Amino acid sequence: MSLLSPLSLRSVTLRNRIGMSPMCQYSAVDGRVGDWHLVHYGARAVGGVGLVIVEASGVEARGRISADDVGIWEDGQVEPLARLVRVVAGHGATAGIQLAHAGRKASSRAPWDQGGAPRLPAAGGWTPVAPSAIPFADGHAIPEALDEAGIAGVVRAFADAAGRALAAGFEVVELHAAHGYLLHEFLSPLSNHRKDRYGGSLENRTRIVREVVEAVRRVWPDRLPLLLRVSCTDWTDGGWDLPQTVELARQVRALGVDLVDCSSGGNVATARIPAGPGYQVPFAEVVRRDAAIATAAVGLITSPAQAETIIRSGQADLVLLARELLRDPQFPLRAARDLGVEGPWPRQYLRAK
């Protein structure tokens, strides 16, 4: 297999193994995507990306990172998303969407507004929810600890959001259990101090993720793939780590997850993360090998040669690019040129080959 070779997940075949990682744009109004999103995602489809994953989309209004996030908690948000799907699919890419709940990191500002500082309830924000009443960091609101009825409501919200994603025409759904957001908060003993069946043991801390996967799979057709994004480590002693990630991957594989998107961090504000080129790729390699499931590699992947090596060496099945695709929407076309293979050139651009 190679970077520009197709990847089949259930009935869906991506035209290559380059994906667009979900990246919040903080540009939605009432959770609805607009012209910015059409241009932003459409440009990456034109540029040859195989899978375009729409940014973290709140399954509840209180589950948004900010008031400017994309939402998928009500039916009125479906048609704007369907229009976006038509643009992406019309230019040869597969359209996916990440379903998310920000948990205790909800009610923040956009990055360009006071650096993304929390918007506390007194300043027009809202009270976030979490597995335990532990704020993310100093200056953040103390979240409300969910009771079991509240947890059941979150699980239903993910399933309802998956139904809306299907109605909008998406062919891939990714569940967000990474970066310190709600599902990750349940996984990590650093943020989950519960004493009930959702806390304590690994079996209990992973319970909500299993329940979300099962609920979504009841709505999401068998023919369509389901992805799970995880943080493979908290980068902090006593936190979530790679062996626990492998066990979670085994659990969800049996429940219908087809690929694990292997990221890291985000749950501990003071974590020291040794970021560098490809620093998270080994996580994808270990999960792929030890859990026998397809994986996506992410994190400071910036060159076609680097991405090709990841795929050819079997470290991952898919490479998800983030900031590099912001810098270069035509990365797949450049990769095809650099690697000496035929690229997904739109006919309107053939004169530039």
Protein backbone atom coordinates (compact mmCIF):
# COMPACT_ATOMS: atom_id res chain seq x y z
CA MET A 1 0.00 0.00 0.00
CA SER A 2 1.09 3.56 -0.63
CA LEU A 3 -0.05 7.08 0.22
CA LEU A 4 -1.92 7.57 -3.06
CA SER A 5 -3.50 4.11 -3.11
CA PRO A 6 -7.20 3.71 -2.27
CA LEU A 7 -8.40 2.69 1.18
CA SER A 8 -11.61 0.72 1.63
CA LEU A 9 -13.55 0.85 4.89
CA ARG A 10 -16.72 -1.23 4.68
CA SER A 11 -18.50 -0.10 1.49
CA VAL A 12 -16.67 3.22 1.28
CA THR A 13 -13.47 3.57 -0.74
CA LEU A 14 -11.31 6.64 -0.19
CA ARG A 15 -9.46 7.69 -3.35
CA ASN A 16 -6.21 7.91 -1.38
CA ARG A 17 -4.89 7.64 2.18
CA ILE A 18 -4.66 11.38 2.87
CA GLY A 19 -7.34 12.76 5.15
CA MET A 20 -8.18 16.20 6.47
CA SER A 21 -8.11 16.15 10.24
CA PRO A 22 -11.03 17.90 11.99
CA MET A 23 -10.06 21.48 12.79
CA CYS A 24 -12.47 23.91 14.43
CA GLN A 25 -13.08 27.08 12.41
CA TYR A 26 -15.09 28.98 15.04
CA SER A 27 -17.17 30.43 12.23
CA ALA A 28 -20.64 28.88 12.61
CA VAL A 29 -23.78 30.80 13.47
CA ASP A 30 -26.25 28.96 15.71
CA GLY A 31 -24.28 25.83 14.93
CA ARG A 32 -24.88 26.17 11.19
CA VAL A 33 -22.09 26.00 8.63
CA GLY A 34 -21.86 28.86 6.14
CA ASP A 35 -19.94 30.13 3.14
CA TRP A 36 -16.58 29.98 4.92
CA HIS A 37 -17.02 26.25 5.53
CA LEU A 38 -18.04 25.60 1.91
CA VAL A 39 -14.88 27.28 0.62
CA HIS A 40 -12.62 25.85 3.34
CA TYR A 41 -13.65 22.19 2.96
CA GLY A 42 -14.34 22.41 -0.75
CA ALA A 43 -10.80 23.65 -1.42
CA ARG A 44 -9.32 20.52 0.20
CA ALA A 45 -11.60 18.29 -1.86
CA VAL A 46 -10.47 20.10 -5.02
CA GLY A 47 -6.89 19.70 -3.79
CA GLY A 48 -7.21 15.93 -3.86
CA VAL A 49 -7.78 14.90 -0.23
CA GLY A 50 -9.31 11.45 0.07
CA LEU A 51 -11.30 12.01 3.28
CA VAL A 52 -12.49 15.40 4.49
CA ILE A 53 -13.61 15.27 8.13
CA VAL A 54 -15.72 18.24 9.16
CA GLU A 55 -14.66 19.79 12.45
CA ALA A 56 -15.87 18.81 15.91
CA SER A 57 -19.64 19.24 15.76
CA GLY A 58 -21.52 19.56 19.01
CA VAL A 59 -24.06 16.84 19.74
CA GLU A 60 -25.53 19.21 22.36
CA ALA A 61 -25.52 22.98 22.51
CA ARG A 62 -23.77 22.80 25.88
CA GLY A 63 -21.22 20.46 24.33
CA ARG A 64 -19.70 23.04 22.02
CA ILE A 65 -16.19 24.28 22.67
CA SER A 66 -17.42 27.77 21.84
CA ALA A 67 -20.63 29.46 20.78
CA ASP A 68 -19.12 29.68 17.28
CA ASP A 69 -18.79 25.91 16.80
CA VAL A 70 -20.58 23.76 14.26
CA GLY A 71 -23.53 21.91 15.74
CA ILE A 72 -25.54 18.83 14.88
CA TRP A 73 -27.96 18.78 17.81
CA GLU A 74 -31.05 19.95 15.92
CA ASP A 75 -32.65 19.20 12.58
CA GLY A 76 -32.28 22.75 11.27
CA GLN A 77 -28.51 22.19 11.09
CA VAL A 78 -28.83 19.29 8.64
CA GLU A 79 -29.46 21.07 5.34
CA PRO A 80 -26.46 23.44 5.60
CA LEU A 81 -24.33 20.37 6.30
CA ALA A 82 -25.93 18.54 3.37
CA ARG A 83 -24.94 21.41 1.10
CA LEU A 84 -21.37 21.07 2.36
CA VAL A 85 -21.42 17.32 1.73
CA ARG A 86 -22.54 17.92 -1.85
CA VAL A 87 -19.61 20.29 -2.42
CA VAL A 88 -17.04 17.89 -0.95
CA ALA A 89 -18.39 14.79 -2.66
CA GLY A 90 -18.86 16.66 -5.92
CA HIS A 91 -15.09 17.15 -6.07
CA GLY A 92 -14.18 13.53 -5.46
CA ALA A 93 -13.54 13.40 -1.71
CA THR A 94 -15.40 11.35 0.87
CA ALA A 95 -17.22 13.51 3.42
CA GLY A 96 -16.98 12.68 7.10
CA ILE A 97 -17.95 14.50 10.28
CA GLN A 98 -16.64 14.38 13.82
CA LEU A 99 -19.32 14.13 16.51
CA ALA A 100 -18.16 15.76 19.72
CA HIS A 101 -18.99 16.92 23.21
CA ALA A 102 -16.52 19.32 24.82
CA GLY A 103 -17.36 18.40 28.41
CA ARG A 104 -15.50 20.54 30.94
CA LYS A 105 -13.65 22.39 28.17
CA ALA A 106 -16.89 23.82 26.78
CA SER A 107 -17.88 27.49 26.87
CA SER A 108 -14.59 28.93 25.65
CA ARG A 109 -13.90 31.84 23.35
CA ALA A 110 -12.52 31.59 19.82
CA PRO A 111 -8.70 31.49 19.70
CA TRP A 112 -8.53 35.07 18.45
CA ASP A 113 -10.73 36.30 21.33
CA GLN A 114 -8.54 36.55 24.44
CA GLY A 115 -6.58 33.53 23.31
CA GLY A 116 -9.52 31.18 23.61
CA ALA A 117 -9.99 31.86 27.31
CA PRO A 118 -13.00 30.31 29.04
CA ARG A 119 -16.24 32.27 28.81
CA LEU A 120 -17.66 31.92 32.28
CA PRO A 121 -21.43 31.93 32.88
CA ALA A 122 -21.25 35.46 34.29
CA ALA A 123 -19.77 36.61 30.97
CA GLY A 124 -22.41 35.00 28.77
CA GLY A 125 -21.12 31.46 28.80
CA TRP A 126 -22.67 28.35 30.30
CA THR A 127 -21.85 25.77 32.94
CA PRO A 128 -20.10 22.78 31.39
CA VAL A 129 -20.62 19.15 32.35
CA ALA A 130 -18.07 16.46 33.09
CA PRO A 131 -17.68 13.06 34.76
CA SER A 132 -16.51 14.81 37.95
CA ALA A 133 -16.69 18.38 39.24
CA ILE A 134 -13.04 19.10 38.43
CA PRO A 135 -12.21 22.16 36.30
CA PHE A 136 -9.77 21.76 33.42
CA ALA A 137 -7.42 24.43 34.77
CA ASP A 138 -7.33 27.57 36.89
CA GLY A 139 -9.79 30.14 35.57
CA HIS A 140 -12.14 27.53 34.12
CA ALA A 141 -15.64 26.97 35.46
CA ILE A 142 -16.23 24.10 37.85
CA PRO A 143 -18.26 21.65 35.74
CA GLU A 144 -21.43 19.94 36.83
CA ALA A 145 -20.84 16.22 37.38
CA LEU A 146 -23.23 14.21 35.24
CA ASP A 147 -25.53 11.75 36.97
CA GLU A 148 -26.46 8.51 35.23
CA ALA A 149 -29.53 10.07 33.64
CA GLY A 150 -27.32 12.83 32.27
CA ILE A 151 -24.89 10.25 30.88
CA ALA A 152 -27.76 8.44 29.18
CA GLY A 153 -28.81 11.76 27.66
CA VAL A 154 -25.33 12.32 26.24
CA VAL A 155 -25.33 8.83 24.72
CA ARG A 156 -28.70 9.55 23.07
CA ALA A 157 -27.39 12.87 21.80
CA PHE A 158 -24.50 11.13 20.01
CA ALA A 159 -26.91 8.64 18.43
CA ASP A 160 -29.33 11.39 17.36
CA ALA A 161 -26.42 13.33 15.87
CA ALA A 162 -25.36 10.26 13.89
CA GLY A 163 -28.87 10.08 12.45
CA ARG A 164 -28.59 13.70 11.35
CA ALA A 165 -25.17 13.02 9.84
CA LEU A 166 -26.73 10.22 7.80
CA ALA A 167 -29.56 12.52 6.69
CA ALA A 168 -26.98 15.09 5.58
CA GLY A 169 -25.28 12.51 3.38
CA PHE A 170 -22.02 11.92 5.25
CA GLU A 171 -20.37 8.56 4.58
CA VAL A 172 -18.01 8.56 7.56
CA VAL A 173 -18.61 9.44 11.20
CA GLU A 174 -15.82 9.94 13.72
CA LEU A 175 -16.53 9.97 17.46
CA HIS A 176 -14.33 12.37 19.42
CA ALA A 177 -12.86 10.74 22.53
CA ALA A 178 -9.63 12.74 22.58
CA HIS A 179 -8.06 16.08 23.56
CA GLY A 180 -9.60 16.37 27.00
CA TYR A 181 -13.20 16.54 25.82
CA LEU A 182 -16.06 14.71 27.49
CA LEU A 183 -15.45 11.09 26.43
CA HIS A 184 -11.73 11.44 27.09
CA GLU A 185 -12.53 12.93 30.49
CA PHE A 186 -14.35 9.71 31.38
CA LEU A 187 -11.43 7.57 30.17
CA SER A 188 -8.75 9.28 32.23
CA PRO A 189 -8.47 8.69 35.99
CA LEU A 190 -7.07 12.22 36.25
CA SER A 191 -10.45 13.73 35.31
CA ASN A 192 -12.77 10.88 36.34
CA HIS A 193 -13.05 10.45 40.10
CA ARG A 194 -16.43 8.71 40.03
CA LYS A 195 -17.31 5.88 42.40
CA ASP A 196 -20.16 4.41 40.34
CA ARG A 197 -20.13 2.12 37.32
CA TYR A 198 -18.64 4.88 35.14
CA GLY A 199 -15.52 5.35 37.25
CA GLY A 200 -12.64 3.49 38.85
CA SER A 201 -11.69 0.43 36.82
CA LEU A 202 -10.73 0.51 33.16
CA GLU A 203 -13.92 -1.40 32.37
CA ASN A 204 -15.98 1.31 34.07
CA ARG A 205 -14.10 4.31 32.67
CA THR A 206 -14.49 3.01 29.10
CA ARG A 207 -18.19 2.23 29.59
CA ILE A 208 -19.55 5.49 28.16
CA VAL A 209 -17.44 5.14 25.02
CA ARG A 210 -18.76 1.63 24.48
CA GLU A 211 -22.30 2.84 25.05
CA VAL A 212 -21.86 5.68 22.56
CA VAL A 213 -20.40 3.33 19.95
CA GLU A 214 -23.26 0.87 20.41
CA ALA A 215 -25.91 3.60 20.27
CA VAL A 216 -24.39 5.18 17.16
CA ARG A 217 -24.02 1.80 15.45
CA ARG A 218 -27.75 1.20 15.90
CA VAL A 219 -28.35 4.31 13.80
CA TRP A 220 -25.31 4.36 11.53
CA PRO A 221 -25.69 1.75 8.74
CA ASP A 222 -23.49 -1.34 8.68
CA ARG A 223 -22.31 -0.37 5.21
CA LEU A 224 -20.70 2.86 6.46
CA PRO A 225 -17.50 3.13 8.50
CA LEU A 226 -17.26 4.43 12.04
CA LEU A 227 -14.04 6.02 13.36
CA LEU A 228 -12.93 6.81 16.91
CA ARG A 229 -10.42 9.54 17.75
CA VAL A 230 -8.52 8.94 20.97
CA SER A 231 -5.71 10.57 22.87
CA CYS A 232 -3.33 7.64 23.32
CA THR A 233 -1.71 9.22 26.36
CA ASP A 234 -2.26 12.10 28.77
CA TRP A 235 1.53 12.57 28.88
CA THR A 236 1.13 12.58 32.69
CA ASP A 237 1.85 9.90 35.28
CA GLY A 238 -1.28 8.19 36.52
CA GLY A 239 -3.32 9.23 33.50
CA TRP A 240 -4.68 7.58 30.39
CA ASP A 241 -1.92 5.76 28.48
CA LEU A 242 -1.12 3.61 25.47
CA PRO A 243 -1.81 0.16 27.00
CA GLN A 244 -5.28 1.36 28.04
CA THR A 245 -5.79 2.75 24.53
CA VAL A 246 -4.98 -0.65 23.03
CA GLU A 247 -7.54 -2.30 25.30
CA LEU A 248 -10.17 0.30 24.38
CA ALA A 249 -9.42 -0.26 20.69
CA ARG A 250 -10.03 -3.98 21.14
CA GLN A 251 -13.32 -3.28 22.89
CA VAL A 252 -14.68 -0.91 20.26
CA ARG A 253 -13.45 -3.01 17.32
CA ALA A 254 -15.83 -5.73 18.51
CA LEU A 255 -18.66 -3.16 18.63
CA GLY A 256 -18.26 -1.87 15.08
CA VAL A 257 -15.47 0.74 15.05
CA ASP A 258 -13.40 0.40 11.87
CA LEU A 259 -10.47 2.73 12.47
CA VAL A 260 -8.85 4.42 15.47
CA ASP A 261 -7.49 7.93 14.92
CA CYS A 262 -4.46 8.09 17.22
CA SER A 263 -3.75 11.50 18.72
CA SER A 264 -2.64 12.44 22.25
CA GLY A 265 -2.84 14.97 25.08
CA GLY A 266 -5.35 17.70 25.80
CA ASN A 267 -6.66 16.54 29.16
CA VAL A 268 -3.96 17.99 31.42
CA ALA A 269 -3.18 21.69 31.09
CA THR A 270 0.32 21.25 32.54
CA ALA A 271 1.38 18.19 30.53
CA ARG A 272 4.82 18.35 28.93
CA ILE A 273 4.38 17.03 25.39
CA PRO A 274 7.54 16.18 23.40
CA ALA A 275 6.15 17.44 20.10
CA GLY A 276 8.23 16.90 16.99
CA PRO A 277 7.86 15.56 13.44
CA GLY A 278 5.70 12.45 13.52
CA TYR A 279 5.83 12.24 17.31
CA GLN A 280 2.41 10.52 17.54
CA VAL A 281 2.93 8.05 14.70
CA PRO A 282 4.26 5.28 17.01
CA PHE A 283 0.91 5.29 18.80
CA ALA A 284 -0.87 4.44 15.56
CA GLU A 285 1.64 1.68 14.88
CA VAL A 286 1.20 0.04 18.28
CA VAL A 287 -2.61 0.23 18.25
CA ARG A 288 -2.72 -1.14 14.70
CA ARG A 289 -0.50 -4.08 15.64
CA ASP A 290 -1.74 -4.92 19.12
CA ALA A 291 -5.47 -4.29 18.66
CA ALA A 292 -5.61 -5.57 15.07
CA ILE A 293 -7.53 -2.54 13.85
CA ALA A 294 -6.91 0.06 11.15
CA THR A 295 -5.41 3.32 12.40
CA ALA A 296 -4.81 6.90 11.33
CA ALA A 297 -1.57 8.70 12.13
CA VAL A 298 -1.58 12.40 13.02
CA GLY A 299 0.76 15.06 14.36
CA LEU A 300 3.34 17.23 12.57
CA ILE A 301 3.25 15.25 9.35
CA THR A 302 4.35 17.83 6.80
CA SER A 303 5.95 16.24 3.73
CA PRO A 304 4.86 13.73 1.11
CA ALA A 305 7.93 11.58 1.76
CA GLN A 306 7.17 11.44 5.49
CA ALA A 307 3.53 10.53 4.85
CA GLU A 308 4.49 7.90 2.26
CA THR A 309 6.90 6.25 4.68
CA ILE A 310 4.19 5.99 7.34
CA ILE A 311 1.86 4.15 4.96
CA ARG A 312 4.44 1.99 3.18
CA SER A 313 6.01 0.84 6.45
CA GLY A 314 2.64 -0.21 7.83
CA GLN A 315 2.64 2.21 10.74
CA ALA A 316 -0.88 3.36 9.84
CA ASP A 317 -3.54 2.93 7.17
CA LEU A 318 -4.41 6.60 6.82
CA VAL A 319 -2.56 9.87 7.35
CA LEU A 320 -4.62 12.77 8.70
CA LEU A 321 -3.14 16.21 8.10
CA ALA A 322 -4.12 19.33 9.99
CA ARG A 323 -2.02 22.48 9.84
CA GLU A 324 -0.15 21.33 6.75
CA LEU A 325 -3.46 21.29 4.86
CA LEU A 326 -4.17 24.80 6.10
CA ARG A 327 -0.87 25.87 4.60
CA ASP A 328 -1.25 23.82 1.42
CA PRO A 329 -4.76 22.76 0.35
CA GLN A 330 -3.20 21.00 -2.67
CA PHE A 331 -0.91 18.75 -0.59
CA PRO A 332 -2.17 15.56 -2.31
CA LEU A 333 -1.37 17.01 -5.74
CA ARG A 334 2.11 17.97 -4.55
CA ALA A 335 2.52 14.50 -3.06
CA ALA A 336 1.62 12.87 -6.37
CA ARG A 337 4.16 15.02 -8.17
CA ASP A 338 6.91 14.40 -5.61
CA LEU A 339 6.27 10.66 -5.49
CA GLY A 340 6.05 10.33 -9.25
CA VAL A 341 2.52 8.94 -9.43
CA GLU A 342 -0.70 10.09 -11.03
CA GLY A 343 -2.55 12.52 -8.80
CA PRO A 344 -6.24 13.40 -8.33
CA TRP A 345 -6.03 16.51 -10.52
CA PRO A 346 -9.33 18.26 -11.29
CA ARG A 347 -9.64 18.78 -15.03
CA GLN A 348 -9.80 22.52 -14.51
CA TYR A 349 -6.23 22.41 -13.14
CA LEU A 350 -4.66 19.98 -15.62
CA ARG A 351 -2.80 22.81 -17.37
CA ALA A 352 -0.79 23.30 -14.17
CA LYS A 353 0.59 19.75 -14.06
